[in-house]
């Protein structure tokens, strides 16, 4: 039997809670329909397009 320090146990505990909440959220989104996800995907596609244009124009400087 290993005695792990308390902070690691707490991190795992919080991670499990977060994963559980995320699973519940996914179920809610699925039951409410995919309208919001479609809107988000549309926004993401536009963001990717704008990012690509900014890169090709040399407007966006890479992070040092």
C-alpha atoms as a PDB file:
ATOM      1  CA  UNK A   1       0.000   0.000   0.000  1.00  0.00           C
ATOM      2  CA  UNK A   2       1.456   3.358  -1.056  1.00  0.00           C
ATOM      3  CA  UNK A   3       0.833   6.506   0.927  1.00  0.00           C
ATOM      4  CA  UNK A   4       0.524   9.283  -1.646  1.00  0.00           C
ATOM      5  CA  UNK A   5       0.790  12.910  -0.518  1.00  0.00           C
ATOM      6  CA  UNK A   6      -2.557  14.627  -0.051  1.00  0.00           C
ATOM      7  CA  UNK A   7      -2.317  17.204  -2.917  1.00  0.00           C
ATOM      8  CA  UNK A   8      -2.117  14.450  -5.555  1.00  0.00           C
ATOM      9  CA  UNK A   9      -5.221  12.778  -4.144  1.00  0.00           C
ATOM     10  CA  UNK A  10      -7.049  16.112  -4.235  1.00  0.00           C
ATOM     11  CA  UNK A  11      -6.016  16.750  -7.856  1.00  0.00           C
ATOM     12  CA  UNK A  12      -7.279  13.345  -8.943  1.00  0.00           C
ATOM     13  CA  UNK A  13     -10.488  13.925  -6.984  1.00  0.00           C
ATOM     14  CA  UNK A  14     -11.076  17.293  -8.678  1.00  0.00           C
ATOM     15  CA  UNK A  15     -10.237  15.789 -12.068  1.00  0.00           C
ATOM     16  CA  UNK A  16     -12.864  13.095 -11.551  1.00  0.00           C
ATOM     17  CA  UNK A  17     -15.447  15.731 -10.591  1.00  0.00           C
ATOM     18  CA  UNK A  18     -14.571  17.813 -13.670  1.00  0.00           C
ATOM     19  CA  UNK A  19     -14.832  14.796 -15.963  1.00  0.00           C
ATOM     20  CA  UNK A  20     -18.209  13.953 -14.433  1.00  0.00           C
ATOM     21  CA  UNK A  21     -19.509  17.481 -14.924  1.00  0.00           C
ATOM     22  CA  UNK A  22     -18.218  17.508 -18.503  1.00  0.00           C
ATOM     23  CA  UNK A  23     -20.048  14.258 -19.198  1.00  0.00           C
ATOM     24  CA  UNK A  24     -23.280  15.715 -17.793  1.00  0.00           C
ATOM     25  CA  UNK A  25     -22.818  18.834 -19.935  1.00  0.00           C
ATOM     26  CA  UNK A  26     -22.306  16.714 -23.048  1.00  0.00           C
ATOM     27  CA  UNK A  27     -25.533  14.839 -22.346  1.00  0.00           C
ATOM     28  CA  UNK A  28     -27.438  18.113 -21.883  1.00  0.00           C
ATOM     29  CA  UNK A  29     -26.102  19.505 -25.171  1.00  0.00           C
ATOM     30  CA  UNK A  30     -27.062  16.312 -26.960  1.00  0.00           C
ATOM     31  CA  UNK A  31     -30.581  16.361 -25.524  1.00  0.00           C
ATOM     32  CA  UNK A  32     -31.116  20.042 -26.363  1.00  0.00           C
ATOM     33  CA  UNK A  33     -30.091  19.554 -29.980  1.00  0.00           C
ATOM     34  CA  UNK A  34     -27.069  20.518 -32.020  1.00  0.00           C
ATOM     35  CA  UNK A  35     -28.041  24.081 -32.974  1.00  0.00           C
ATOM     36  CA  UNK A  36     -25.532  25.784 -30.679  1.00  0.00           C
ATOM     37  CA  UNK A  37     -22.752  23.430 -31.757  1.00  0.00           C
ATOM     38  CA  UNK A  38     -23.466  24.191 -35.410  1.00  0.00           C
ATOM     39  CA  UNK A  39     -23.258  27.922 -34.687  1.00  0.00           C
ATOM     40  CA  UNK A  40     -19.981  27.399 -32.832  1.00  0.00           C
ATOM     41  CA  UNK A  41     -18.555  25.343 -35.706  1.00  0.00           C
ATOM     42  CA  UNK A  42     -19.485  28.120 -38.130  1.00  0.00           C
ATOM     43  CA  UNK A  43     -17.676  30.657 -35.937  1.00  0.00           C
ATOM     44  CA  UNK A  44     -14.653  28.360 -35.690  1.00  0.00           C
ATOM     45  CA  UNK A  45     -14.524  27.952 -39.469  1.00  0.00           C
ATOM     46  CA  UNK A  46     -14.593  31.728 -39.935  1.00  0.00           C
ATOM     47  CA  UNK A  47     -11.889  32.145 -37.298  1.00  0.00           C
ATOM     48  CA  UNK A  48      -9.681  29.589 -39.063  1.00  0.00           C
ATOM     49  CA  UNK A  49     -10.220  31.348 -42.392  1.00  0.00           C
ATOM     50  CA  UNK A  50      -9.343  34.744 -40.914  1.00  0.00           C
ATOM     51  CA  UNK A  51      -6.292  33.270 -39.198  1.00  0.00           C
ATOM     52  CA  UNK A  52      -5.105  31.810 -42.504  1.00  0.00           C
ATOM     53  CA  UNK A  53      -5.562  35.156 -44.272  1.00  0.00           C
ATOM     54  CA  UNK A  54      -3.670  36.992 -41.528  1.00  0.00           C
ATOM     55  CA  UNK A  55      -0.820  34.488 -41.814  1.00  0.00           C
ATOM     56  CA  UNK A  56      -0.597  34.820 -45.587  1.00  0.00           C
ATOM     57  CA  UNK A  57      -0.619  38.625 -45.309  1.00  0.00           C
ATOM     58  CA  UNK A  58       2.154  38.503 -42.724  1.00  0.00           C
ATOM     59  CA  UNK A  59       0.038  40.436 -40.221  1.00  0.00           C
ATOM     60  CA  UNK A  60       0.307  37.892 -37.442  1.00  0.00           C
ATOM     61  CA  UNK A  61       3.779  37.720 -35.921  1.00  0.00           C
ATOM     62  CA  UNK A  62       4.828  34.353 -34.464  1.00  0.00           C
ATOM     63  CA  UNK A  63       5.331  34.305 -30.720  1.00  0.00           C
ATOM     64  CA  UNK A  64       9.014  34.701 -29.733  1.00  0.00           C
END
